[in-house]
Protein backbone atom coordinates (compact mmCIF):
# COMPACT_ATOMS: atom_id res chain seq x y z
CA MET A 1 197.25 181.94 155.48
CA LYS A 2 194.54 178.83 156.37
CA ASN A 3 194.66 176.34 153.80
CA ILE A 4 190.92 174.38 154.35
CA LEU A 5 189.87 171.01 152.77
CA ILE A 6 186.39 170.59 152.48
CA THR A 7 185.50 166.91 151.69
CA GLY A 8 182.58 166.13 149.62
CA GLY A 9 182.09 170.30 148.74
CA ALA A 10 180.15 169.63 145.43
CA GLY A 11 177.56 167.85 147.37
CA PHE A 12 174.38 169.79 148.87
CA ILE A 13 175.71 170.69 152.40
CA GLY A 14 178.97 171.09 151.15
CA SER A 15 178.79 173.61 148.16
CA HIS A 16 176.71 175.63 150.34
CA LEU A 17 179.66 175.63 152.95
CA VAL A 18 182.65 175.90 150.47
CA ARG A 19 180.55 179.34 148.81
CA LEU A 20 180.28 180.75 152.18
CA PHE A 21 184.13 180.24 153.30
CA VAL A 22 185.14 181.18 149.93
CA ASN A 23 183.27 184.52 150.13
CA ARG A 24 183.66 185.09 153.76
CA TYR A 25 187.44 184.15 154.37
CA PRO A 26 189.44 185.77 150.92
CA GLU A 27 192.52 185.38 152.83
CA TYR A 28 191.94 181.38 153.20
CA ARG A 29 192.48 178.62 150.29
CA ILE A 30 189.38 176.78 149.97
CA ILE A 31 190.08 173.21 148.59
CA ASN A 32 187.12 171.43 147.63
CA TYR A 33 187.99 167.60 147.85
CA ASP A 34 185.10 165.44 145.73
CA LEU A 35 185.03 162.44 143.75
CA LEU A 36 181.83 163.62 142.35
CA THR A 37 179.47 160.51 142.63
CA TYR A 38 175.70 160.73 141.74
CA ALA A 39 175.17 163.46 144.24
CA GLY A 40 178.48 165.63 143.61
CA ASN A 41 177.38 168.62 141.25
CA LEU A 42 180.31 171.06 140.24
CA ALA A 43 177.40 173.23 138.54
CA ASN A 44 176.51 174.18 142.32
CA LEU A 45 179.38 176.21 142.32
CA SER A 46 179.55 177.76 139.09
CA ASP A 47 179.22 181.25 140.77
CA ILE A 48 182.59 180.76 142.41
CA GLN A 49 184.73 178.51 140.32
CA ASP A 50 186.81 181.31 139.48
CA VAL A 51 187.43 183.33 142.20
CA PRO A 52 191.82 182.81 143.29
CA ASN A 53 191.25 181.22 146.74
CA TYR A 54 189.06 178.19 145.45
CA PHE A 55 190.22 175.21 144.54
CA PHE A 56 188.94 171.81 143.19
CA GLU A 57 190.53 168.32 143.85
CA LYS A 58 188.65 165.14 142.29
CA GLY A 59 189.46 162.23 144.07
CA ASP A 60 187.94 159.50 146.98
CA ILE A 61 188.28 159.84 150.26
CA CYS A 62 189.72 156.03 150.20
CA ASP A 63 192.59 156.84 148.27
CA SER A 64 195.30 157.31 151.08
CA GLU A 65 197.97 158.20 148.44
CA ASN A 66 195.56 160.85 146.78
CA VAL A 67 194.40 162.26 150.32
CA ASP A 68 197.86 162.25 151.51
CA ARG A 69 198.92 164.24 148.24
CA VAL A 70 196.44 166.81 148.45
CA LEU A 71 197.39 167.45 152.04
CA ARG A 72 200.87 168.25 151.47
CA LYS A 73 200.03 170.01 147.88
CA TYR A 74 198.32 172.89 149.67
CA GLU A 75 199.40 172.56 153.24
CA VAL A 76 196.49 171.83 154.67
CA ASP A 77 196.18 172.80 158.33
CA GLY A 78 192.10 172.19 158.68
CA ILE A 79 189.92 169.62 157.33
CA ILE A 80 185.98 169.70 157.67
CA HIS A 81 184.69 166.56 156.68
CA LEU A 82 181.24 166.28 154.75
CA ALA A 83 182.04 163.37 152.49
CA ALA A 84 179.23 160.81 153.24
CA GLU A 85 176.55 158.74 151.58
CA SER A 86 173.77 159.77 153.05
CA HIS A 87 170.54 158.17 151.32
CA VAL A 88 169.09 155.60 153.99
CA ASP A 89 167.17 154.07 151.05
CA ARG A 90 170.26 153.10 149.32
CA SER A 91 171.92 152.19 152.69
CA ILE A 92 169.45 149.15 152.80
CA THR A 93 169.78 148.11 149.39
CA ASP A 94 174.00 148.24 149.74
CA PRO A 95 175.31 148.87 153.26
CA PHE A 96 178.64 147.87 151.98
CA CYS A 97 178.94 151.06 149.85
CA PHE A 98 178.50 153.14 153.08
CA ALA A 99 180.66 151.07 155.12
CA ARG A 100 183.46 152.02 152.99
CA THR A 101 182.84 155.52 152.07
CA ASN A 102 181.49 156.45 155.90
CA VAL A 103 183.77 154.15 157.98
CA LEU A 104 187.02 153.82 156.14
CA GLY A 105 186.69 156.99 154.04
CA THR A 106 186.84 158.55 157.27
CA LEU A 107 189.43 156.25 158.81
CA THR A 108 191.80 157.27 155.86
CA LEU A 109 191.65 161.01 156.16
CA LEU A 110 192.28 160.83 159.93
CA GLN A 111 195.26 158.95 159.06
CA ALA A 112 196.13 161.10 156.62
CA ALA A 113 195.99 163.82 158.65
CA ARG A 114 197.56 162.50 161.75
CA ASN A 115 200.69 161.54 159.25
CA CYS A 116 200.69 165.17 157.82
CA TRP A 117 200.34 167.03 160.92
CA SER A 118 202.58 165.40 163.31
CA ARG A 119 205.41 165.30 161.07
CA GLY A 120 206.20 161.83 161.75
CA LEU A 121 206.88 162.38 165.36
CA ALA A 122 205.68 159.81 167.85
CA GLY A 123 203.93 160.66 171.35
CA ASP A 124 204.04 164.10 172.81
CA ALA A 125 206.28 165.40 170.08
CA GLY A 126 203.57 164.32 168.03
CA ARG A 127 200.64 165.65 169.55
CA GLN A 128 202.46 168.70 169.97
CA ALA A 129 203.32 169.03 166.06
CA MET A 130 199.31 168.64 165.51
CA GLU A 131 198.76 171.55 167.75
CA GLY A 132 196.83 174.65 165.75
CA HIS A 133 195.39 172.13 162.89
CA LEU A 134 191.71 170.83 163.08
CA PHE A 135 189.83 167.92 161.65
CA TYR A 136 186.11 168.73 161.69
CA HIS A 137 183.51 165.60 161.08
CA VAL A 138 180.40 166.45 160.18
CA SER A 139 177.61 163.83 161.62
CA THR A 140 173.51 163.31 161.81
CA ASP A 141 171.20 163.28 164.08
CA GLU A 142 170.35 159.46 163.10
CA VAL A 143 173.30 158.34 165.33
CA TYR A 144 171.43 158.55 168.22
CA GLY A 145 168.16 156.27 167.02
CA SER A 146 164.64 157.28 167.77
CA LEU A 147 162.99 159.65 170.35
CA SER A 148 159.64 157.94 171.68
CA GLU A 149 158.34 160.47 174.55
CA PRO A 150 156.87 163.59 173.09
CA GLY A 151 158.91 167.14 174.35
CA THR A 152 162.25 164.93 174.42
CA PHE A 153 165.26 165.51 172.33
CA PHE A 154 168.87 164.66 171.48
CA THR A 155 171.40 165.90 173.63
CA GLU A 156 175.18 165.72 173.03
CA GLU A 157 175.11 163.58 176.09
CA CYS A 158 172.85 160.85 174.29
CA ARG A 159 173.88 157.06 173.71
CA TYR A 160 174.48 156.18 170.34
CA ASP A 161 171.41 153.62 169.01
CA PRO A 162 171.91 153.84 165.14
CA HIS A 163 168.81 151.50 163.20
CA SER A 164 169.92 151.83 159.87
CA PRO A 165 173.56 150.89 157.84
CA TYR A 166 173.29 154.60 157.01
CA SER A 167 173.28 155.67 160.71
CA ALA A 168 175.40 152.85 161.78
CA SER A 169 177.92 153.96 159.29
CA LYS A 170 178.06 157.38 160.97
CA ALA A 171 178.26 156.30 164.48
CA SER A 172 181.20 154.11 163.41
CA SER A 173 182.90 157.20 162.18
CA ASP A 174 182.19 159.65 165.14
CA HIS A 175 183.73 156.68 167.38
CA PHE A 176 186.49 156.66 165.08
CA VAL A 177 187.08 160.85 165.30
CA ARG A 178 186.88 160.13 168.97
CA ALA A 179 189.55 157.71 169.24
CA PHE A 180 191.94 159.54 167.08
CA ARG A 181 191.76 162.05 169.48
CA ASP A 182 192.26 159.79 172.61
CA THR A 183 194.95 157.77 171.00
CA TYR A 184 197.26 160.36 169.31
CA GLY A 185 195.87 163.69 170.51
CA LEU A 186 194.53 164.79 166.79
CA PRO A 187 192.59 167.84 167.45
CA VAL A 188 189.00 166.99 166.74
CA LYS A 189 185.54 168.52 166.58
CA ILE A 190 182.20 166.82 165.66
CA SER A 191 178.72 167.98 165.20
CA ASN A 192 175.53 166.22 164.37
CA CYS A 193 172.66 167.96 162.54
CA SER A 194 169.28 167.31 161.85
CA ASN A 195 167.46 167.38 158.36
CA ASN A 196 168.74 170.15 156.62
CA TYR A 197 166.14 171.69 153.36
CA GLY A 198 167.35 174.22 150.96
CA PRO A 199 168.61 174.88 147.20
CA TYR A 200 171.23 172.62 145.23
CA GLN A 201 169.40 169.15 147.12
CA PHE A 202 169.80 165.91 145.17
CA PRO A 203 166.39 165.14 144.03
CA GLU A 204 166.01 161.77 145.63
CA LYS A 205 165.62 163.47 148.90
CA LEU A 206 162.24 164.51 150.32
CA ILE A 207 161.72 168.10 150.00
CA PRO A 208 163.21 168.44 145.99
CA LEU A 209 161.73 165.09 145.10
CA PHE A 210 158.31 165.64 145.90
CA LEU A 211 158.56 169.23 144.56
CA ASN A 212 160.00 167.89 141.08
CA ASN A 213 156.65 164.96 141.34
CA ILE A 214 154.30 167.97 142.11
CA ARG A 215 155.72 169.74 139.06
CA HIS A 216 154.98 166.69 136.52
CA SER A 217 151.77 165.66 138.46
CA LYS A 218 153.62 162.34 139.37
CA PRO A 219 152.50 160.10 142.86
CA LEU A 220 153.93 161.23 146.04
CA PRO A 221 154.63 158.47 147.90
CA VAL A 222 154.67 158.53 151.85
CA TYR A 223 155.80 156.08 153.94
CA GLY A 224 153.46 154.21 156.49
CA LYS A 225 150.72 156.79 157.93
CA GLY A 226 153.22 159.90 157.21
CA GLU A 227 153.35 160.20 160.80
CA ASN A 228 157.61 160.15 161.16
CA VAL A 229 158.75 163.46 162.61
CA ARG A 230 161.58 165.27 161.55
CA ASP A 231 163.57 168.34 162.64
CA TRP A 232 164.50 170.60 159.64
CA LEU A 233 166.94 173.31 159.45
CA TYR A 234 167.66 175.86 156.57
CA VAL A 235 171.04 174.73 155.03
CA MET A 236 172.41 177.79 155.10
CA ASP A 237 172.22 177.89 158.94
CA HIS A 238 173.81 174.80 158.94
CA ALA A 239 176.50 176.12 157.16
CA ARG A 240 176.73 179.11 159.60
CA ALA A 241 176.88 176.58 162.68
CA ILE A 242 179.46 174.84 160.84
CA ASP A 243 181.75 178.15 160.76
CA VAL A 244 181.15 178.67 163.94
CA ILE A 245 182.04 175.73 165.45
CA PHE A 246 185.07 175.30 163.26
CA HIS A 247 186.38 178.86 164.54
CA ARG A 248 185.25 179.37 167.90
CA GLY A 249 183.77 175.58 169.03
CA ARG A 250 186.20 173.90 171.56
CA ILE A 251 188.43 171.59 170.81
CA GLY A 252 187.13 168.11 171.55
CA GLU A 253 183.82 168.76 171.94
CA THR A 254 180.56 167.64 170.21
CA TYR A 255 178.05 170.04 169.37
CA ASN A 256 174.81 169.49 168.38
CA ILE A 257 172.58 171.71 165.28
CA GLY A 258 169.12 171.46 165.05
CA GLY A 259 165.86 173.76 164.14
CA PHE A 260 163.93 173.45 167.06
CA ASN A 261 161.42 173.10 164.30
CA GLU A 262 159.70 169.54 164.27
CA TRP A 263 157.18 168.56 161.80
CA LYS A 264 155.61 165.63 160.82
CA ASN A 265 156.25 163.89 157.41
CA ILE A 266 152.51 164.55 156.15
CA ASP A 267 152.04 167.66 157.15
CA LEU A 268 155.16 168.90 156.12
CA ILE A 269 154.04 167.80 152.60
CA LYS A 270 150.62 169.24 152.82
CA VAL A 271 152.56 172.80 153.26
CA MET A 272 154.85 171.89 150.37
CA ILE A 273 151.76 171.19 148.31
CA ARG A 274 149.82 174.48 149.20
CA VAL A 275 153.28 176.47 148.57
CA ALA A 276 153.98 175.05 145.19
CA ASP A 277 150.80 175.20 143.95
CA SER A 278 150.12 179.25 144.95
CA LEU A 279 153.50 179.37 142.96
CA LEU A 280 152.39 177.36 140.14
CA GLY A 281 149.22 178.78 139.55
CA HIS A 282 147.05 175.78 140.51
CA PRO A 283 144.07 175.72 142.57
CA GLU A 284 144.31 175.23 146.19
CA GLY A 285 144.55 171.97 147.38
CA HIS A 286 145.44 170.98 143.22
CA SER A 287 147.97 168.70 144.12
CA LEU A 288 146.71 166.81 147.32
CA GLY A 289 145.34 163.82 145.06
CA LEU A 290 149.19 162.78 144.33
CA ILE A 291 149.75 161.73 147.70
CA THR A 292 150.18 157.90 147.62
CA TYR A 293 150.85 155.96 150.73
CA VAL A 294 153.44 153.43 150.38
CA THR A 295 154.98 150.40 152.62
CA ASP A 296 156.84 151.67 155.21
CA ARG A 297 160.89 151.11 155.07
CA PRO A 298 162.76 148.93 157.45
CA GLY A 299 164.06 150.67 160.44
CA HIS A 300 162.29 153.77 159.70
CA ASP A 301 162.89 156.28 163.12
CA MET A 302 159.62 157.64 164.30
CA ARG A 303 160.93 160.51 165.01
CA TYR A 304 164.13 162.97 165.53
CA ALA A 305 164.67 166.41 167.51
CA ILE A 306 167.72 168.14 168.25
CA ASP A 307 168.68 170.12 171.34
CA SER A 308 170.73 172.73 170.21
CA THR A 309 171.23 174.51 173.65
CA LYS A 310 174.95 174.04 174.04
CA LEU A 311 175.88 175.56 170.51
CA LYS A 312 173.22 178.40 171.38
CA ASP A 313 174.75 179.40 175.14
CA GLU A 314 178.41 178.87 174.17
CA LEU A 315 178.99 180.11 170.48
CA GLY A 316 175.55 182.25 170.51
CA TRP A 317 174.03 180.48 167.16
CA GLU A 318 170.38 180.33 166.28
CA PRO A 319 168.62 179.44 163.42
CA SER A 320 167.72 182.15 161.49
CA LEU A 321 164.48 181.10 159.32
CA GLN A 322 161.48 179.66 160.15
CA PHE A 323 160.40 177.12 158.57
CA GLU A 324 157.51 178.15 156.39
CA GLU A 325 159.56 181.34 155.86
CA GLY A 326 162.77 178.69 154.60
CA ILE A 327 160.64 176.60 152.76
CA THR A 328 158.98 179.31 150.83
CA GLU A 329 162.35 180.56 149.73
CA THR A 330 163.40 176.93 148.47
CA ILE A 331 160.32 176.02 146.28
CA ARG A 332 160.64 179.40 144.72
CA TRP A 333 164.51 178.06 144.36
CA TYR A 334 163.69 175.18 142.65
CA LEU A 335 161.07 176.55 140.34
CA ASP A 336 163.40 179.57 139.41
CA HIS A 337 166.11 176.85 138.50
CA GLN A 338 164.01 174.16 136.80
CA GLU A 339 166.93 173.79 134.26
CA TRP A 340 169.16 172.82 137.19
CA LEU A 341 166.34 170.07 138.67
CA ASP A 342 165.89 168.98 134.68
CA ASN A 343 169.77 168.79 134.27
CA VAL A 344 170.28 166.52 137.45
CA THR A 345 167.05 164.27 137.04
CA SER A 346 168.32 163.39 133.30
CA GLY A 347 172.19 163.26 134.21
CA ASP A 348 173.44 166.01 131.95
CA TYR A 349 175.01 167.46 135.15
CA MET A 350 177.35 164.72 134.92
CA ASN A 351 179.03 166.11 132.07
CA TYR A 352 180.18 169.21 134.36
CA TYR A 353 183.55 168.39 135.20
CA GLU A 354 184.48 167.32 131.75
CA LYS A 355 183.15 170.65 130.36
CA MET A 356 185.29 172.61 133.03
CA TYR A 357 188.32 170.92 133.67
CA GLY A 358 188.89 168.65 130.65
CA GLY A 359 188.54 165.36 132.62
CA ARG A 360 191.39 166.18 134.83
């Protein structure tokens, strides 16, 4: 039996990945390790919480004693590390929080995995003992900085050039992962992904935030002129990519994951408005007047675009949904689950853990 620890499994991407692994691999034990900060919501996984191969452990990735305890309790032989602070605006307000979670948290996990899997052996003996294990680190395309030339893309060979405290913290964590591979022989893989969208995304992010504002006829604040370009990927396509890389990717390699799906922010918002107004029964263009242009944020990268050719050529992965199909499915999901949105925006979701686990 494989014993897979997924950190941040109650978050947006993590919950989709946990569900995928629990349902696809009943012979695995899937351990969801999450501190349940503001972005962690166990209600995202209510449909699998009683499945026999799913386990939840509440914990901080910076708590070395607890991480070590969980690794040994479940005899974990694979870690997929998604737990992270990820909202750029929050990183500008509180960079130290991002350094703690994203850098020190990753370092804590790496050291715990090395200690557990090497069985206390040093040198070549420790490297041999760690064979058959895997530390998979999930990162972001933002570590590469910003693209200025049209038609250019981030590849796995691009130099790092982070511009925000968030991307700097993720770049640092990537470097620590590679350093543990080179120094100690820890078996690692890294993937860097573009912007995700889909169900269960915390409504501080653009798509659920703007959809919720459209529901309540609130302003849609657009940074600058809305000219910033992002490459968008449906979250389940990201989860499928992680699955493929985890099982078939080469040890020590980095894989970029993207949708080949670039949109200017303002064009994306107008598509959202058109789809949402249609599904809500509003006249065409009803919510366009909600668009409000605000001062651009500091260090705002102009364009991201990922080249996923390596992932496609080596492992056969491709995105399954075109954006307009995916965004329509996503908006329909949020409108069909307005209670979920209301529970998150009100803070009621924070009580779910107490109800289900009695505060353990």
